[in-house]
């Protein structure tokens, strides 16, 4: 899948999760990290994915080439969380989407 395909798939996931309530809560966030890198958080509470449990996994190829994925809780909300190196955003999106099929 090319980078544009990940964006299109993320858009489709977002639309599929919008139910009049979910999108008003935690939703999906993509932010930069200062180490540098990216973080992706997808709230899966109240969705068909809320029972997914992803064991924390770290792939570390170099200081700038890494990816971490796990599910985590923050209060009542459950998230699929990913963090990755500065050039691993497309890879992280592919990984997130592979868990949410």
N, C-alpha and C. Protein backbone atom coordinates (compact mmCIF):
# COMPACT_ATOMS: atom_id res chain seq x y z
N UNK A 1 0.84 -1.16 0.00
CA UNK A 1 0.00 0.00 0.00
C UNK A 1 0.90 1.24 0.00
N UNK A 2 0.60 2.20 -0.82
CA UNK A 2 1.35 3.46 -0.84
C UNK A 2 0.84 4.41 0.21
N UNK A 3 1.57 5.49 0.45
CA UNK A 3 1.21 6.43 1.51
C UNK A 3 -0.21 6.99 1.35
N UNK A 4 -0.61 7.28 0.12
CA UNK A 4 -1.95 7.82 -0.10
C UNK A 4 -3.01 6.79 0.27
N UNK A 5 -2.71 5.51 0.04
CA UNK A 5 -3.67 4.46 0.39
C UNK A 5 -3.91 4.39 1.89
N UNK A 6 -2.86 4.62 2.69
CA UNK A 6 -3.04 4.62 4.14
C UNK A 6 -3.96 5.76 4.57
N UNK A 7 -3.80 6.91 3.96
CA UNK A 7 -4.65 8.05 4.29
C UNK A 7 -6.10 7.75 3.92
N UNK A 8 -6.32 7.19 2.73
CA UNK A 8 -7.68 6.85 2.31
C UNK A 8 -8.29 5.81 3.24
N UNK A 9 -7.50 4.80 3.63
CA UNK A 9 -8.00 3.76 4.54
C UNK A 9 -8.30 4.35 5.92
N UNK A 10 -7.48 5.28 6.40
CA UNK A 10 -7.73 5.94 7.68
C UNK A 10 -9.02 6.76 7.61
N UNK A 11 -9.23 7.45 6.50
CA UNK A 11 -10.47 8.20 6.31
C UNK A 11 -11.67 7.26 6.36
N UNK A 12 -11.57 6.11 5.69
CA UNK A 12 -12.67 5.14 5.69
C UNK A 12 -12.93 4.61 7.10
N UNK A 13 -11.84 4.32 7.85
CA UNK A 13 -12.00 3.86 9.23
C UNK A 13 -12.71 4.93 10.05
N UNK A 14 -12.26 6.17 9.93
CA UNK A 14 -12.87 7.27 10.67
C UNK A 14 -14.37 7.36 10.39
N UNK A 15 -14.74 7.35 9.11
CA UNK A 15 -16.16 7.45 8.73
C UNK A 15 -16.94 6.27 9.31
N UNK A 16 -16.34 5.07 9.27
CA UNK A 16 -17.05 3.88 9.78
C UNK A 16 -17.27 3.94 11.29
N UNK A 17 -16.41 4.64 12.01
CA UNK A 17 -16.54 4.73 13.46
C UNK A 17 -17.46 5.86 13.91
N UNK A 18 -17.67 6.85 13.04
CA UNK A 18 -18.55 7.97 13.39
C UNK A 18 -19.98 7.49 13.52
N UNK A 19 -20.54 7.66 14.72
CA UNK A 19 -21.90 7.19 14.98
C UNK A 19 -22.76 8.25 15.65
N UNK A 20 -22.28 9.47 15.64
CA UNK A 20 -23.00 10.55 16.31
C UNK A 20 -22.50 10.81 17.72
N UNK A 21 -21.73 9.86 18.28
CA UNK A 21 -21.18 10.04 19.62
C UNK A 21 -19.67 9.87 19.65
N UNK A 22 -19.16 8.78 19.05
CA UNK A 22 -17.73 8.46 19.11
C UNK A 22 -16.87 9.64 18.68
N UNK A 23 -17.24 10.30 17.59
CA UNK A 23 -16.43 11.40 17.05
C UNK A 23 -16.40 12.62 17.96
N UNK A 24 -17.28 12.68 18.95
CA UNK A 24 -17.28 13.80 19.90
C UNK A 24 -16.39 13.51 21.11
N UNK A 25 -15.87 12.29 21.18
CA UNK A 25 -15.00 11.91 22.29
C UNK A 25 -13.54 11.97 21.88
N UNK A 26 -12.81 10.92 22.19
CA UNK A 26 -11.37 10.88 21.95
C UNK A 26 -10.99 10.76 20.48
N UNK A 27 -11.76 9.99 19.69
CA UNK A 27 -11.53 9.88 18.25
C UNK A 27 -10.15 9.37 17.88
N UNK A 28 -9.54 10.01 16.89
CA UNK A 28 -8.23 9.65 16.37
C UNK A 28 -7.33 10.87 16.47
N UNK A 29 -6.13 10.69 17.00
CA UNK A 29 -5.17 11.78 17.02
C UNK A 29 -3.85 11.31 16.43
N UNK A 30 -3.22 12.18 15.67
CA UNK A 30 -1.87 11.96 15.15
C UNK A 30 -1.08 13.21 15.52
N UNK A 31 0.01 13.00 16.26
CA UNK A 31 0.83 14.13 16.72
C UNK A 31 2.30 13.79 16.53
N UNK A 32 3.08 14.83 16.47
CA UNK A 32 4.53 14.61 16.40
C UNK A 32 5.11 14.46 17.81
N UNK A 33 6.21 13.74 17.88
CA UNK A 33 6.97 13.59 19.13
C UNK A 33 8.24 14.42 19.02
N UNK A 34 8.83 14.74 20.14
CA UNK A 34 10.02 15.59 20.12
C UNK A 34 11.34 14.80 20.04
N UNK A 35 11.26 13.49 19.82
CA UNK A 35 12.50 12.72 19.84
C UNK A 35 13.17 12.44 18.49
N UNK A 36 12.87 12.75 17.32
CA UNK A 36 11.55 13.06 16.76
C UNK A 36 10.81 11.78 16.38
N UNK A 37 9.55 11.92 16.11
CA UNK A 37 8.72 10.80 15.71
C UNK A 37 7.26 11.20 15.70
N UNK A 38 6.42 10.19 15.66
CA UNK A 38 4.97 10.38 15.58
C UNK A 38 4.28 9.51 16.62
N UNK A 39 3.09 9.93 17.01
CA UNK A 39 2.21 9.10 17.83
C UNK A 39 0.82 9.10 17.21
N UNK A 40 0.19 7.94 17.25
CA UNK A 40 -1.17 7.75 16.74
C UNK A 40 -1.98 7.13 17.87
N UNK A 41 -3.12 7.72 18.18
CA UNK A 41 -4.03 7.16 19.19
C UNK A 41 -5.41 7.05 18.57
N UNK A 42 -5.95 5.85 18.61
CA UNK A 42 -7.29 5.61 18.08
C UNK A 42 -8.13 5.08 19.23
N UNK A 43 -9.15 5.84 19.60
CA UNK A 43 -10.04 5.39 20.66
C UNK A 43 -10.91 4.26 20.13
N UNK A 44 -10.86 3.11 20.80
CA UNK A 44 -11.65 1.97 20.35
C UNK A 44 -12.80 1.66 21.32
N UNK A 45 -12.94 2.46 22.35
CA UNK A 45 -14.06 2.29 23.28
C UNK A 45 -15.38 2.53 22.55
N UNK A 46 -16.34 1.67 22.82
CA UNK A 46 -17.66 1.84 22.22
C UNK A 46 -17.71 1.51 20.75
N UNK A 47 -16.65 0.86 20.22
CA UNK A 47 -16.64 0.46 18.81
C UNK A 47 -16.59 -1.06 18.72
N UNK A 48 -16.71 -1.57 17.51
CA UNK A 48 -16.62 -3.03 17.31
C UNK A 48 -15.21 -3.54 17.62
N UNK A 49 -14.25 -2.65 17.83
CA UNK A 49 -12.86 -3.03 18.10
C UNK A 49 -12.51 -3.01 19.59
N UNK A 50 -13.46 -2.67 20.47
CA UNK A 50 -13.12 -2.46 21.88
C UNK A 50 -12.59 -3.70 22.59
N UNK A 51 -12.81 -4.88 22.06
CA UNK A 51 -12.31 -6.10 22.69
C UNK A 51 -10.94 -6.52 22.16
N UNK A 52 -10.37 -5.75 21.26
CA UNK A 52 -9.04 -6.05 20.73
C UNK A 52 -8.01 -5.75 21.81
N UNK A 53 -7.09 -6.68 22.00
CA UNK A 53 -5.96 -6.47 22.90
C UNK A 53 -4.69 -6.74 22.11
N UNK A 54 -3.85 -5.73 22.01
CA UNK A 54 -2.58 -5.84 21.29
C UNK A 54 -1.47 -5.79 22.33
N UNK A 55 -0.70 -6.86 22.42
CA UNK A 55 0.44 -6.91 23.33
C UNK A 55 1.47 -5.88 22.89
N UNK A 56 2.01 -5.18 23.85
CA UNK A 56 3.03 -4.16 23.55
C UNK A 56 4.18 -4.78 22.77
N UNK A 57 4.43 -4.23 21.58
CA UNK A 57 5.48 -4.72 20.69
C UNK A 57 6.33 -3.55 20.22
N UNK A 58 7.64 -3.69 20.32
CA UNK A 58 8.58 -2.66 19.87
C UNK A 58 9.49 -3.24 18.81
N UNK A 59 9.53 -2.59 17.65
CA UNK A 59 10.47 -2.93 16.59
C UNK A 59 11.45 -1.76 16.51
N UNK A 60 12.71 -2.02 16.81
CA UNK A 60 13.71 -0.96 16.85
C UNK A 60 14.83 -1.29 15.88
N UNK A 61 14.80 -0.65 14.71
CA UNK A 61 15.81 -0.91 13.68
C UNK A 61 16.97 0.08 13.77
N UNK A 62 16.71 1.29 14.24
CA UNK A 62 17.76 2.30 14.46
C UNK A 62 17.12 3.44 15.25
N UNK A 63 17.92 4.48 15.57
CA UNK A 63 17.41 5.61 16.35
C UNK A 63 16.24 6.31 15.66
N UNK A 64 16.23 6.31 14.32
CA UNK A 64 15.17 7.00 13.56
C UNK A 64 14.20 6.05 12.87
N UNK A 65 14.37 4.75 13.05
CA UNK A 65 13.58 3.74 12.34
C UNK A 65 13.04 2.74 13.36
N UNK A 66 11.89 3.04 13.92
CA UNK A 66 11.31 2.22 14.98
C UNK A 66 9.80 2.38 15.00
N UNK A 67 9.15 1.41 15.65
CA UNK A 67 7.69 1.47 15.79
C UNK A 67 7.28 0.69 17.03
N UNK A 68 6.32 1.24 17.76
CA UNK A 68 5.78 0.61 18.96
C UNK A 68 4.27 0.60 18.84
N UNK A 69 3.65 -0.53 19.21
CA UNK A 69 2.20 -0.64 19.15
C UNK A 69 1.71 -1.36 20.41
N UNK A 70 0.55 -0.95 20.90
CA UNK A 70 -0.08 -1.59 22.06
C UNK A 70 -1.50 -1.05 22.21
N UNK A 71 -2.31 -1.78 22.96
CA UNK A 71 -3.57 -1.22 23.42
C UNK A 71 -3.37 -0.78 24.86
N UNK A 72 -4.07 0.27 25.25
CA UNK A 72 -3.93 0.81 26.59
C UNK A 72 -5.24 1.46 27.01
N UNK A 73 -5.42 1.57 28.31
CA UNK A 73 -6.59 2.25 28.86
C UNK A 73 -6.17 3.56 29.48
N UNK A 74 -7.04 4.54 29.36
CA UNK A 74 -6.89 5.83 30.03
C UNK A 74 -8.25 6.15 30.62
N UNK A 75 -8.42 5.87 31.90
CA UNK A 75 -9.73 6.02 32.50
C UNK A 75 -10.68 5.00 31.91
N UNK A 76 -11.82 5.47 31.41
CA UNK A 76 -12.81 4.57 30.83
C UNK A 76 -12.52 4.26 29.36
N UNK A 77 -11.61 5.00 28.76
CA UNK A 77 -11.36 4.85 27.32
C UNK A 77 -10.23 3.86 27.06
N UNK A 78 -10.40 3.10 25.99
CA UNK A 78 -9.38 2.16 25.53
C UNK A 78 -8.89 2.63 24.17
N UNK A 79 -7.58 2.52 23.96
CA UNK A 79 -6.96 3.03 22.75
C UNK A 79 -6.07 1.98 22.09
N UNK A 80 -5.97 2.07 20.78
CA UNK A 80 -4.87 1.46 20.05
C UNK A 80 -3.86 2.58 19.91
N UNK A 81 -2.67 2.37 20.45
CA UNK A 81 -1.65 3.42 20.45
C UNK A 81 -0.42 2.95 19.69
N UNK A 82 0.10 3.84 18.87
CA UNK A 82 1.33 3.57 18.14
C UNK A 82 2.24 4.77 18.27
N UNK A 83 3.52 4.52 18.29
CA UNK A 83 4.53 5.56 18.23
C UNK A 83 5.58 5.06 17.25
N UNK A 84 6.21 5.99 16.54
CA UNK A 84 7.15 5.55 15.51
C UNK A 84 8.16 6.65 15.22
N UNK A 85 9.19 6.25 14.48
CA UNK A 85 10.22 7.18 14.06
C UNK A 85 9.68 8.19 13.06
N UNK A 86 10.48 9.20 12.73
CA UNK A 86 10.02 10.31 11.91
C UNK A 86 9.63 9.92 10.48
N UNK A 87 10.15 8.82 9.97
CA UNK A 87 9.81 8.39 8.61
C UNK A 87 9.01 7.09 8.59
N UNK A 88 8.39 6.74 9.72
CA UNK A 88 7.63 5.49 9.82
C UNK A 88 6.12 5.70 9.94
N UNK A 89 5.64 6.91 9.65
CA UNK A 89 4.22 7.19 9.82
C UNK A 89 3.34 6.29 8.94
N UNK A 90 3.68 6.12 7.68
CA UNK A 90 2.88 5.27 6.79
C UNK A 90 2.88 3.83 7.29
N UNK A 91 4.04 3.35 7.74
CA UNK A 91 4.14 2.00 8.29
C UNK A 91 3.26 1.86 9.53
N UNK A 92 3.27 2.87 10.40
CA UNK A 92 2.45 2.83 11.61
C UNK A 92 0.96 2.84 11.26
N UNK A 93 0.58 3.63 10.28
CA UNK A 93 -0.83 3.63 9.85
C UNK A 93 -1.23 2.26 9.30
N UNK A 94 -0.36 1.65 8.49
CA UNK A 94 -0.64 0.30 7.97
C UNK A 94 -0.82 -0.69 9.12
N UNK A 95 0.05 -0.61 10.12
CA UNK A 95 -0.02 -1.52 11.26
C UNK A 95 -1.32 -1.29 12.04
N UNK A 96 -1.66 -0.04 12.29
CA UNK A 96 -2.91 0.27 13.00
C UNK A 96 -4.11 -0.29 12.24
N UNK A 97 -4.14 -0.04 10.96
CA UNK A 97 -5.27 -0.49 10.13
C UNK A 97 -5.34 -2.01 10.08
N UNK A 98 -4.19 -2.69 10.13
CA UNK A 98 -4.20 -4.15 10.11
C UNK A 98 -4.83 -4.72 11.39
N UNK A 99 -4.72 -4.01 12.50
CA UNK A 99 -5.33 -4.44 13.75
C UNK A 99 -6.83 -4.14 13.79
N UNK A 100 -7.28 -3.21 12.95
CA UNK A 100 -8.67 -2.74 12.99
C UNK A 100 -9.44 -3.15 11.74
N UNK A 101 -9.32 -4.39 11.39
CA UNK A 101 -10.07 -4.92 10.23
C UNK A 101 -11.24 -5.74 10.69
